[in-house]
Protein backbone atom coordinates (compact mmCIF):
# COMPACT_ATOMS: atom_id res chain seq x y z
CA MET A 1 0.07 16.03 26.67
CA PRO A 2 2.25 17.81 24.04
CA SER A 3 4.88 20.29 25.20
CA TYR A 4 2.91 23.19 23.71
CA LEU A 5 -0.61 23.84 22.41
CA VAL A 6 -2.25 26.78 20.64
CA ARG A 7 -5.19 28.45 22.39
CA ILE A 8 -7.77 29.16 19.70
CA SER A 9 -9.32 32.21 21.37
CA ASP A 10 -6.21 34.36 20.93
CA MET A 11 -3.88 32.00 18.97
CA LYS A 12 -1.31 32.16 21.76
CA LEU A 13 1.14 29.38 22.55
CA VAL A 14 0.60 27.79 25.97
CA GLN A 15 2.41 25.00 27.76
CA GLY A 16 0.68 21.64 27.51
CA SER A 17 1.11 21.04 31.24
CA GLU A 18 -1.19 24.02 31.91
CA VAL A 19 -4.06 22.56 29.87
CA HIS A 20 -6.37 20.21 31.73
CA GLU A 21 -8.75 19.27 28.93
CA GLY A 22 -8.58 17.57 25.55
CA TYR A 23 -7.02 18.99 22.43
CA CYS A 24 -7.24 18.48 18.66
CA ALA A 25 -4.37 18.03 16.25
CA LEU A 26 -4.06 19.47 12.75
CA SER A 27 -3.10 17.49 9.67
CA TYR A 28 -2.24 19.40 6.52
CA SER A 29 0.23 19.70 3.67
CA TRP A 30 2.94 22.26 4.39
CA ASN A 31 3.02 23.56 0.83
CA GLN A 32 -0.64 24.54 1.13
CA SER A 33 -0.02 26.69 4.19
CA GLY A 34 2.10 29.21 2.31
CA GLU A 35 5.02 29.45 -0.08
CA ILE A 36 7.80 27.08 0.99
CA ILE A 37 11.29 28.51 0.53
CA LYS A 38 14.39 26.41 1.20
CA ASN A 39 17.15 28.22 3.09
CA LYS A 40 20.37 27.30 1.28
CA THR A 41 22.48 28.21 4.31
CA THR A 42 20.66 26.23 7.01
CA ASN A 43 18.95 23.76 4.63
CA ASN A 44 15.72 24.45 6.54
CA CYS A 45 12.41 25.12 4.84
CA ASP A 46 10.84 28.47 5.65
CA ARG A 47 7.23 29.42 4.98
CA MET A 48 6.18 32.73 3.49
CA ASP A 49 2.51 33.45 4.18
CA GLN A 50 1.11 36.25 2.01
CA GLY A 51 -2.40 36.03 3.42
CA LYS A 52 -4.00 34.32 0.42
CA HIS A 53 -6.02 31.75 2.37
CA LYS A 54 -9.70 32.15 1.62
CA ILE A 55 -12.59 32.05 4.08
CA ILE A 56 -15.99 32.02 2.41
CA TYR A 57 -18.94 33.31 4.36
CA PRO A 58 -22.06 32.00 2.53
CA GLY A 59 -25.06 34.21 1.96
CA LYS A 60 -28.07 33.73 4.18
CA THR A 61 -31.63 34.93 4.66
CA ILE A 62 -32.73 36.34 8.02
CA ARG A 63 -36.06 37.48 9.41
CA LYS A 64 -36.65 41.23 9.30
CA LYS A 65 -38.69 42.87 12.04
CA PRO A 66 -41.58 43.42 12.29
CA ARG A 67 -42.08 41.07 9.33
CA GLY A 68 -40.48 39.98 6.11
CA ARG A 69 -37.06 38.61 5.23
CA LYS A 70 -33.71 40.12 4.37
CA ARG A 71 -31.05 38.52 2.20
CA ILE A 72 -27.44 39.01 3.38
CA PRO A 73 -25.01 38.35 0.51
CA GLY A 74 -22.02 36.07 0.96
CA LYS A 75 -18.51 37.44 1.21
CA VAL A 76 -14.93 36.27 0.87
CA LYS A 77 -12.14 37.13 3.25
CA PHE A 78 -8.44 36.51 2.59
CA VAL A 79 -6.41 35.69 5.69
CA LYS A 80 -3.14 34.21 6.85
CA PHE A 81 -2.88 30.53 7.77
CA GLU A 82 -3.13 31.17 11.53
CA GLU A 83 -6.37 33.12 11.05
CA LEU A 84 -7.75 30.26 8.98
CA ILE A 85 -6.96 27.80 11.79
CA GLN A 86 -8.59 30.13 14.32
CA GLU A 87 -11.77 30.34 12.24
CA ILE A 88 -11.93 26.56 11.95
CA GLY A 89 -11.38 26.24 15.69
CA LYS A 90 -14.25 28.61 16.41
CA ASP A 91 -16.57 26.90 13.91
CA PHE A 92 -16.05 23.50 15.56
CA ASN A 93 -15.80 24.75 19.15
CA ILE A 94 -12.16 23.73 19.53
CA LYS A 95 -10.37 25.36 22.46
CA TYR A 96 -6.85 23.98 22.00
CA ILE A 97 -5.09 22.68 18.91
CA TRP A 98 -1.65 21.30 18.12
CA TYR A 99 0.12 21.89 14.85
CA ASP A 100 3.82 21.81 14.11
CA GLN A 101 4.37 25.30 12.70
CA MET A 102 3.46 26.95 16.01
CA CYS A 103 3.99 24.18 18.56
CA ILE A 104 7.53 23.28 17.46
CA ASN A 105 10.24 25.91 17.29
CA GLN A 106 11.42 25.32 13.74
CA ASN A 107 14.71 27.13 14.45
CA ASP A 108 15.61 25.01 17.48
CA GLU A 109 17.07 21.78 16.13
CA GLU A 110 17.21 20.06 19.51
CA GLU A 111 13.56 20.83 20.28
CA LYS A 112 12.46 19.81 16.79
CA HIS A 113 14.30 16.48 16.98
CA GLY A 114 12.79 15.72 20.37
CA GLU A 115 9.25 16.54 19.22
CA ILE A 116 9.59 14.36 16.11
CA HIS A 117 10.32 11.41 18.41
CA GLN A 118 7.02 12.11 20.20
CA MET A 119 4.86 12.66 17.13
CA HIS A 120 3.14 9.27 17.42
CA LYS A 121 1.98 10.17 20.94
CA ILE A 122 0.71 13.62 19.93
CA TYR A 123 -1.71 12.30 17.30
CA SER A 124 -2.77 9.15 19.10
CA HIS A 125 -3.65 11.11 22.28
CA ALA A 126 -5.56 13.90 20.48
CA TYR A 127 -9.34 13.86 20.83
CA CYS A 128 -9.69 14.42 17.07
CA THR A 129 -7.48 15.25 14.09
CA ILE A 130 -8.62 18.04 11.76
CA ALA A 131 -7.47 17.29 8.19
CA LEU A 132 -7.29 20.31 5.88
CA VAL A 133 -7.95 19.24 2.30
CA PRO A 134 -8.65 22.29 0.09
CA GLU A 135 -9.30 20.06 -2.93
CA LEU A 136 -12.31 18.44 -1.21
CA ILE A 137 -15.49 20.09 -2.54
CA THR A 138 -19.16 19.38 -3.18
CA ARG A 139 -21.25 20.09 -6.24
CA VAL A 140 -24.98 20.33 -6.82
CA ARG A 141 -25.91 17.18 -8.70
CA LYS A 142 -29.65 17.82 -8.96
CA ARG A 143 -31.99 20.70 -8.16
CA TYR A 144 -35.66 20.09 -7.53
CA PRO A 145 -37.95 22.65 -9.27
CA ASP A 146 -40.00 25.11 -7.21
CA THR A 147 -38.08 24.25 -4.02
CA THR A 148 -34.80 25.16 -2.40
CA THR A 149 -33.95 21.46 -2.07
CA CYS A 150 -31.01 20.04 -4.01
CA LEU A 151 -28.97 16.85 -4.07
CA ILE A 152 -25.34 17.38 -3.08
CA ASP A 153 -22.50 15.20 -4.35
CA MET A 154 -19.10 15.24 -2.62
CA ARG A 155 -16.21 14.84 -5.08
CA ILE A 156 -14.30 11.96 -3.49
CA GLY A 157 -11.93 11.81 -6.46
CA TYR A 158 -10.53 15.19 -5.44
CA LEU A 159 -9.65 13.79 -2.02
CA LEU A 160 -7.91 10.81 -3.59
CA GLY A 161 -5.84 13.11 -5.79
CA SER A 162 -5.19 15.78 -3.16
CA GLN A 163 -1.81 16.97 -1.91
CA TRP A 164 -2.83 15.79 1.54
CA MET A 165 -3.08 12.19 0.28
CA LYS A 166 0.44 12.34 -1.18
CA ARG A 167 2.41 13.40 1.89
CA MET A 168 4.20 11.02 4.23
CA TRP A 169 3.51 12.94 7.43
CA THR A 170 -0.24 12.93 6.77
CA LEU A 171 -0.13 9.13 6.43
CA GLU A 172 1.43 8.86 9.89
CA GLU A 173 -1.11 11.32 11.29
CA THR A 174 -4.03 9.42 9.74
CA ILE A 175 -3.05 6.00 11.02
CA LEU A 176 -2.38 7.20 14.57
CA SER A 177 -5.50 9.36 14.95
CA THR A 178 -8.54 8.08 16.82
CA LYS A 179 -11.06 10.31 14.97
CA MET A 180 -10.76 12.46 11.86
CA LEU A 181 -12.70 15.46 10.60
CA PHE A 182 -12.03 16.48 7.01
CA VAL A 183 -12.42 20.17 6.19
CA GLY A 184 -12.59 21.02 2.51
CA ARG A 185 -13.30 24.09 0.43
CA ASN A 186 -17.05 24.07 0.92
CA VAL A 187 -17.69 20.91 2.91
CA HIS A 188 -16.65 19.05 6.02
CA CYS A 189 -17.27 15.45 6.98
CA TRP A 190 -16.29 12.84 9.55
CA TRP A 191 -14.12 9.89 8.54
CA TYR A 192 -16.98 7.37 8.82
CA ARG A 193 -18.85 9.20 6.04
CA LEU A 194 -16.15 8.20 3.56
CA SER A 195 -16.13 4.89 1.72
CA LYS A 196 -14.25 2.16 3.55
CA ASP A 197 -13.40 0.57 0.20
CA HIS A 198 -11.63 3.73 -0.98
CA PHE A 199 -10.18 4.80 2.38
CA PRO A 200 -9.58 1.79 4.65
CA ILE A 201 -6.81 3.64 6.52
CA PHE A 202 -9.40 6.03 7.99
CA TYR A 203 -10.99 3.21 9.99
CA LYS A 204 -9.76 1.81 13.26
CA ASP A 205 -10.12 -1.83 12.18
CA PHE A 206 -7.53 -1.13 9.50
CA VAL A 207 -4.92 -3.92 9.46
CA CYS A 208 -1.84 -1.97 10.50
CA ASP A 209 0.91 -4.42 9.58
CA VAL A 210 4.21 -3.68 7.86
CA ALA A 211 3.14 -4.68 4.34
CA THR A 212 -0.07 -2.66 4.40
CA ILE A 213 1.63 0.47 5.77
CA LEU A 214 4.32 0.24 3.09
CA HIS A 215 1.64 -0.10 0.41
CA TYR A 216 0.59 3.49 1.15
CA ALA A 217 3.99 4.83 2.21
CA HIS A 218 5.84 3.98 -0.99
CA THR A 219 3.61 6.34 -2.98
CA ARG A 220 4.13 9.32 -0.67
CA THR A 221 6.70 12.10 -0.48
CA SER A 222 7.95 14.81 1.86
CA THR A 223 9.66 18.16 1.41
CA LYS A 224 12.78 16.78 3.05
CA GLU A 225 13.84 13.25 2.15
CA HIS A 226 14.72 12.47 5.78
CA ASP A 227 11.11 13.13 6.78
CA CYS A 228 9.98 10.15 4.72
CA ILE A 229 11.68 7.96 7.31
CA PHE A 230 10.97 10.07 10.39
CA ALA A 231 7.26 10.13 9.61
CA LEU A 232 7.05 6.45 8.67
CA ALA A 233 9.06 5.31 11.71
CA ASN A 234 6.60 7.10 14.01
CA ILE A 235 3.91 4.61 12.98
CA PHE A 236 6.04 1.91 14.64
CA PRO A 237 6.92 3.19 18.15
CA GLY A 238 9.51 0.45 18.65
CA VAL A 239 11.28 1.45 15.44
CA ILE A 240 11.32 5.23 15.97
CA GLN A 241 13.28 4.69 19.19
CA GLU A 242 16.09 3.16 17.12
CA ILE A 243 16.19 6.09 14.69
CA THR A 244 18.41 9.11 15.29
CA ILE A 245 16.66 12.33 14.31
CA ASP A 246 19.38 14.18 12.41
CA TYR A 247 18.81 15.91 9.08
CA ASN A 248 22.56 15.94 8.36
CA GLN A 249 22.96 12.17 8.27
CA ASP A 250 23.20 10.32 4.95
CA VAL A 251 19.63 9.66 3.81
CA GLN A 252 20.58 6.37 2.13
CA GLU A 253 22.09 5.06 5.37
CA LEU A 254 19.01 6.25 7.25
CA MET A 255 16.79 4.34 4.81
CA MET A 256 18.71 1.12 5.37
CA GLN A 257 18.64 1.58 9.13
CA PHE A 258 14.86 1.97 9.04
CA TYR A 259 14.08 -0.91 6.66
CA GLY A 260 16.47 -3.17 8.56
CA ALA A 261 14.66 -2.43 11.85
CA LEU A 262 11.32 -2.97 10.10
CA ALA A 263 12.34 -6.36 8.66
CA LYS A 264 13.55 -7.51 12.08
CA LYS A 265 10.16 -6.56 13.49
CA ASP A 266 8.04 -8.25 10.82
CA LEU A 267 9.02 -10.42 7.85
CA SER A 268 5.76 -9.50 6.11
CA ILE A 269 7.90 -6.83 4.48
CA LEU A 270 8.23 -9.55 1.81
CA CYS A 271 4.48 -9.47 1.10
CA PHE A 272 4.53 -7.59 -2.18
CA GLY A 273 3.74 -8.28 -5.81
CA LYS A 274 3.31 -6.59 -9.15
CA TYR A 275 1.74 -3.17 -9.63
CA THR A 276 -2.05 -3.04 -9.36
CA HIS A 277 -3.30 0.00 -7.41
CA TYR A 278 -0.09 1.95 -8.12
CA LYS A 279 -1.07 2.21 -11.78
CA THR A 280 -3.76 4.66 -10.69
CA MET A 281 -2.22 6.08 -7.52
CA CYS A 282 1.08 7.03 -9.18
CA LYS A 283 -0.08 7.89 -12.68
CA THR A 284 1.61 11.05 -13.93
CA SER A 285 0.63 11.33 -17.60
CA CYS A 286 -0.58 9.52 -20.70
CA SER A 287 1.07 9.66 -24.10
CA ASP A 288 0.51 7.92 -27.41
CA SER A 289 2.90 5.02 -27.77
CA THR A 290 2.78 5.48 -31.56
CA LYS A 291 1.17 8.01 -33.85
CA LYS A 292 -0.42 5.70 -36.39
CA ASP A 293 -4.03 6.41 -35.66
CA SER A 294 -6.40 7.71 -33.02
CA ASN A 295 -7.21 4.18 -31.81
CA THR A 296 -3.65 3.47 -30.74
CA ARG A 297 -3.25 2.46 -27.13
CA LYS A 298 -1.84 5.12 -24.84
CA LYS A 299 1.29 4.62 -22.81
CA VAL A 300 0.80 5.53 -19.15
CA ASP A 301 3.73 6.98 -17.21
CA HIS A 302 4.10 6.35 -13.51
CA ASP A 303 6.23 8.04 -10.87
CA ILE A 304 6.66 5.82 -7.82
CA PRO A 305 8.46 7.95 -5.19
CA ILE A 306 10.22 5.12 -3.35
CA GLN A 307 12.12 4.12 -6.49
CA LYS A 308 14.34 7.19 -6.38
CA PHE A 309 16.17 5.52 -3.49
CA ASN A 310 18.69 2.72 -3.96
CA LEU A 311 17.08 -0.01 -1.86
CA PRO A 312 17.48 -3.82 -1.86
CA SER A 313 14.78 -5.97 -3.41
CA TRP A 314 13.45 -7.29 -0.07
CA THR A 315 12.11 -3.81 0.79
CA GLY A 316 9.56 -4.19 -2.02
CA VAL A 317 11.02 -1.23 -3.92
CA TYR A 318 10.34 -2.90 -7.29
CA GLY A 319 6.76 -3.92 -6.52
CA GLU A 320 3.63 -3.04 -4.58
CA HIS A 321 2.94 -4.27 -1.06
CA PHE A 322 -0.46 -5.82 -0.44
CA LYS A 323 -3.17 -3.24 0.23
CA TYR A 324 -5.25 -5.64 2.30
CA GLY A 325 -2.81 -7.12 4.78
CA GLY A 326 -3.08 -9.53 7.66
CA TYR A 327 -0.53 -12.02 6.35
CA LYS A 328 1.52 -13.54 9.15
CA THR A 329 4.38 -15.97 9.48
CA SER A 330 5.92 -17.75 12.46
CA PHE A 331 9.27 -18.06 10.66
CA LYS A 332 12.13 -16.45 12.62
CA ASN A 333 15.36 -17.94 11.27
CA TYR A 334 16.70 -14.86 9.52
CA THR A 335 19.00 -11.90 10.11
CA VAL A 336 19.36 -8.44 8.60
CA SER A 337 22.72 -6.75 8.12
CA ARG A 338 22.67 -3.46 6.24
CA ARG A 339 21.52 -4.33 2.68
CA VAL A 340 21.42 -8.11 3.17
CA LEU A 341 18.45 -10.14 4.39
CA LYS A 342 19.84 -13.60 5.18
CA ILE A 343 17.27 -16.41 5.43
CA THR A 344 18.21 -19.92 6.55
CA CYS A 345 15.60 -22.46 5.45
CA ARG A 346 14.68 -25.10 2.90
CA GLY A 347 13.89 -24.09 -0.64
CA MET A 348 12.31 -25.83 -3.61
CA CYS A 349 14.30 -25.58 -6.83
CA ASN A 350 14.31 -27.89 -9.83
CA ASP A 351 18.02 -28.72 -10.23
CA GLN A 352 17.20 -30.40 -13.54
CA HIS A 353 15.49 -27.30 -14.89
CA GLN A 354 18.25 -26.39 -17.32
CA THR A 355 18.15 -29.86 -18.89
CA ASP A 356 14.32 -29.95 -18.81
CA ILE A 357 13.96 -26.58 -20.57
CA PRO A 358 14.15 -27.90 -24.15
CA ALA A 359 11.32 -30.36 -23.44
CA ILE A 360 9.24 -27.67 -21.72
CA LEU A 361 9.80 -25.16 -24.53
CA SER A 362 8.74 -27.76 -27.06
CA ILE A 363 5.28 -28.18 -25.51
CA THR A 364 2.57 -27.47 -28.07
CA ARG A 365 -1.20 -27.78 -28.04
CA ASP A 366 -0.77 -31.29 -29.44
CA ASP A 367 0.88 -32.33 -26.15
CA ILE A 368 -2.21 -31.36 -24.17
CA PRO A 369 -4.74 -34.20 -24.03
CA PRO A 370 -8.11 -33.46 -25.65
CA LEU A 371 -10.94 -32.36 -23.42
CA PRO A 372 -13.15 -35.37 -22.54
CA GLN A 373 -16.69 -35.35 -23.86
CA GLN A 374 -19.19 -34.40 -21.17
CA ASN A 375 -22.52 -36.07 -20.64
CA ALA A 376 -25.63 -33.92 -20.88
CA ASN A 377 -26.28 -34.40 -17.15
CA ASP A 378 -22.66 -33.80 -16.13
CA ASP A 379 -22.30 -30.34 -14.60
CA CYS A 380 -19.09 -30.77 -12.63
CA GLY A 381 -16.50 -29.63 -15.19
CA TRP A 382 -12.95 -30.93 -15.64
CA LEU A 383 -9.49 -30.29 -14.19
CA LEU A 384 -6.29 -30.63 -16.20
CA VAL A 385 -3.77 -31.93 -13.66
CA ILE A 386 -0.20 -33.12 -13.59
CA PRO A 387 0.98 -35.66 -10.97
CA ILE A 388 4.30 -34.86 -9.27
CA ARG A 389 6.37 -36.53 -6.58
CA LEU A 390 8.10 -34.33 -3.98
CA PRO A 391 11.41 -35.34 -2.34
CA GLY A 392 10.72 -37.73 0.53
CA PHE A 393 7.20 -38.62 -0.68
CA THR A 394 6.20 -41.98 -2.09
CA ASN A 395 2.70 -40.86 -3.04
CA GLU A 396 1.94 -38.50 -5.88
CA LYS A 397 0.45 -35.07 -5.47
CA PHE A 398 -1.79 -33.59 -8.14
CA ILE A 399 -1.35 -29.99 -9.27
CA GLU A 400 -4.16 -28.23 -11.11
CA VAL A 401 -3.03 -26.76 -14.41
CA TYR A 402 -6.31 -25.61 -15.92
CA THR A 403 -10.04 -25.69 -15.09
CA VAL A 404 -12.85 -26.17 -17.57
CA PHE A 405 -16.37 -25.54 -16.37
CA SER A 406 -19.39 -27.60 -17.36
CA GLY A 407 -20.78 -27.10 -20.85
CA ALA A 408 -17.45 -26.56 -22.61
CA THR A 409 -16.75 -28.84 -25.54
CA ARG A 410 -13.28 -27.62 -26.51
CA LEU A 411 -10.44 -25.43 -25.28
CA HIS A 412 -10.15 -21.85 -26.43
CA PRO A 413 -6.84 -21.07 -28.23
CA GLU A 414 -5.88 -18.73 -25.38
CA ALA A 415 -6.28 -21.65 -22.96
CA TYR A 416 -3.42 -23.52 -24.63
CA ARG A 417 -1.15 -20.51 -24.22
CA SER A 418 -2.07 -20.20 -20.52
CA ILE A 419 -1.40 -23.89 -19.91
CA ILE A 420 2.04 -23.75 -21.54
CA ILE A 421 3.08 -20.63 -19.59
CA TYR A 422 1.87 -22.21 -16.35
CA LEU A 423 3.92 -25.39 -16.96
CA ARG A 424 7.02 -23.35 -17.80
CA ASN A 425 6.70 -21.43 -14.53
CA LEU A 426 6.05 -24.56 -12.49
CA SER A 427 9.05 -26.32 -14.04
CA HIS A 428 11.43 -23.92 -12.25
CA PHE A 429 10.56 -25.66 -8.98
CA ILE A 430 9.25 -29.12 -9.83
CA PRO A 431 10.31 -31.52 -12.63
CA ILE A 432 7.57 -31.63 -15.26
CA ASN A 433 6.82 -34.48 -17.64
CA LYS A 434 4.34 -33.34 -20.27
CA MET A 435 3.35 -36.95 -20.89
CA ASN A 436 1.73 -37.05 -17.42
CA LEU A 437 -0.90 -34.39 -18.16
CA GLN A 438 -4.41 -35.77 -17.65
CA TRP A 439 -8.02 -34.65 -17.21
CA ILE A 440 -9.99 -35.60 -14.12
CA PRO A 441 -13.59 -34.74 -13.17
CA ALA A 442 -13.75 -31.67 -10.91
CA ARG A 443 -15.74 -33.77 -8.42
CA SER A 444 -13.54 -36.82 -8.57
CA GLY A 445 -12.63 -36.61 -4.89
CA ILE A 446 -8.91 -36.50 -5.70
CA THR A 447 -7.02 -33.98 -3.57
CA THR A 448 -5.45 -31.31 -5.76
CA SER A 449 -3.50 -28.09 -5.26
CA TRP A 450 -2.85 -25.08 -7.45
CA PHE A 451 0.04 -22.63 -7.77
CA GLY A 452 -0.37 -18.94 -8.57
CA PHE A 453 2.53 -16.99 -10.08
CA HIS A 454 0.49 -14.01 -11.30
CA GLN A 455 1.61 -11.65 -8.50
CA LEU A 456 5.35 -11.70 -9.20
CA VAL A 457 7.00 -8.36 -9.96
CA GLU A 458 8.64 -9.75 -13.08
CA THR A 459 8.00 -12.53 -15.56
CA MET A 460 10.03 -15.66 -14.88
CA GLN A 461 12.67 -16.28 -17.56
CA ASP A 462 13.25 -19.77 -18.93
CA PHE A 463 17.02 -19.83 -18.41
CA CYS A 464 17.13 -18.18 -14.96
CA GLN A 465 17.20 -20.00 -11.62
CA TYR A 466 14.46 -19.45 -9.04
CA VAL A 467 13.81 -20.78 -5.53
CA LEU A 468 10.55 -21.13 -3.60
CA LEU A 469 11.15 -20.82 0.16
CA THR A 470 9.05 -23.69 1.47
CA GLU A 471 9.50 -22.94 5.19
CA VAL A 472 8.59 -19.25 4.94
CA GLN A 473 4.82 -19.42 4.82
CA PHE A 474 2.51 -16.41 4.99
CA THR A 475 -1.10 -17.05 5.96
CA LEU A 476 -4.24 -15.17 6.86
CA ASP A 477 -6.19 -16.10 9.98
CA ASP A 478 -8.13 -18.60 7.87
CA LYS A 479 -5.43 -20.54 6.01
CA ARG A 480 -7.62 -23.32 4.71
CA PHE A 481 -7.80 -21.81 1.24
CA ALA A 482 -4.34 -20.53 0.33
CA VAL A 483 -0.86 -19.80 1.67
CA ARG A 484 1.95 -17.76 0.16
CA HIS A 485 5.68 -18.39 -0.15
CA PRO A 486 8.48 -16.01 -1.26
CA ILE A 487 10.04 -16.52 -4.68
CA LEU A 488 13.73 -15.64 -5.12
CA LYS A 489 15.67 -15.14 -8.33
CA LYS A 490 19.36 -16.10 -8.46
CA VAL A 491 21.52 -13.14 -9.48
CA GLY A 492 25.23 -13.97 -9.43
CA ASP A 493 26.19 -14.99 -5.89
CA HIS A 494 23.01 -13.67 -4.24
CA TYR A 495 19.23 -13.59 -4.65
CA LYS A 496 16.57 -11.05 -5.53
CA ALA A 497 13.07 -11.13 -3.97
CA ILE A 498 10.43 -10.94 -6.71
CA GLY A 499 7.18 -11.50 -4.81
CA LEU A 500 5.07 -14.35 -3.46
CA CYS A 501 3.70 -17.54 -4.97
CA THR A 502 0.21 -18.60 -3.86
CA ILE A 503 -0.57 -22.26 -3.17
CA GLY A 504 -4.23 -23.10 -2.92
CA LYS A 505 -6.28 -25.92 -1.36
CA ASP A 506 -3.39 -27.51 0.54
CA PRO A 507 -1.59 -25.32 3.12
CA HIS A 508 0.62 -28.29 4.04
CA PHE A 509 1.82 -28.98 0.50
CA PHE A 510 5.53 -28.93 1.43
CA ASP A 511 5.27 -30.50 4.88
CA ASN A 512 7.72 -33.36 5.47
CA THR A 513 9.64 -32.83 2.23
CA THR A 514 13.27 -33.89 2.54
CA LEU A 515 15.06 -30.79 1.33
CA GLU A 516 18.47 -29.56 2.39
CA GLU A 517 18.60 -26.42 4.52
CA GLN A 518 20.38 -23.54 2.82
CA ILE A 519 21.34 -19.91 3.43
CA PHE A 520 19.79 -17.42 1.02
CA GLU A 521 21.33 -13.95 0.91
CA ILE A 522 18.78 -11.53 -0.52
CA HIS A 523 20.04 -8.17 -1.78
């Protein structure tokens, strides 16, 4: 039970130990509870409530004795935030509620620091969390003539773009809550009424691993920078115990302390790739890239909050963690010391890459064998493959380069470009001989594998050195289809993490390769 709760009937503060029934918790954005003013002397944030919160009492029709009906018009009442909470509590028959502005003495630093350490317990033990989202509204989509019936449409887009969805504390509160009730301007709804595709974090089967949490966290902000870490650490009870709650400590040092503890807990912190969902989630504005004509493409600006901090590459600061997580690894041979993630393992790198580059760069469409003619009854398609031999293997392995489905008679010009780019990427890790390219029937029975480099945070450069960590393997529960390995870029005397490479069809592709164990220092 929390130290204090608010009794809805009179909005008085009572000790939690005196309450012998359940309570609800409140989730809201501080800047929507009043005007936030930063005290330059104490560095605290004070709230000025001018009573501008609106309660709308809708009009209604009642029976009039002895007969007839009477229409009572709607009215609007402006109240302070506490009165708004009281009205919500009465509407939903809530007797006790917890929310930070009343239940934590904001002027008592010791009490505040202690309560922050317990925040994960407060929301996980609450019967229900009430989320205040003023932007959430409904509209009448269709009215049926001669009736009072109408079709109501809830504007989900307003929830996605709301202040509530952009705050770090509300992320922590969402993930830890057992049930959620969303209260908007003219609508309320339970969490299970919202699309699981749009809002997977509202559901209890949400995969709550490090990578997935960071996917949402890196797009969120807080009024105080320290709260980004205090809120996020509360999602991981084992991590919050290692964090000192002190708003005077250096925020950069606090960041590194948190991410170091997180990496020690779960190496899936490396499960990130290029921007996909962030392009929408963090979009700030659109502007014309040139002013030639009205059909010119528009340049989209993005503001990704995490990038204002100076963090090492292994935190995923330059990319986007996977939204749909579940990737696991049994690899444990690594350490974290401040900004350095040190991994000791085997890595695949083509030592001859620099000498092979001229041959790779010279590949043209003439070097790609022509597509075989298909019989009228042949519906299997073709695979362009290249045989390679890994260190320690006597037998060849076949890597898929390009797939052509049945019915095709020639390659599209764009296909040649894709093939050449694929071979250039692959050549960073495995020696490539363009003369070995060959077509095989898709149903030939030959075991093949494919590599996917499309999720890297940056395009691989021809004259840079890269390493694929063969022993660090991330898999889902069903790993028959594909596994993922980290890709590192050599930068001076250390490495930079740039995402994961996917290997399909053969999860044991690198098993038994005779590679030398190395130490990779990732900054």
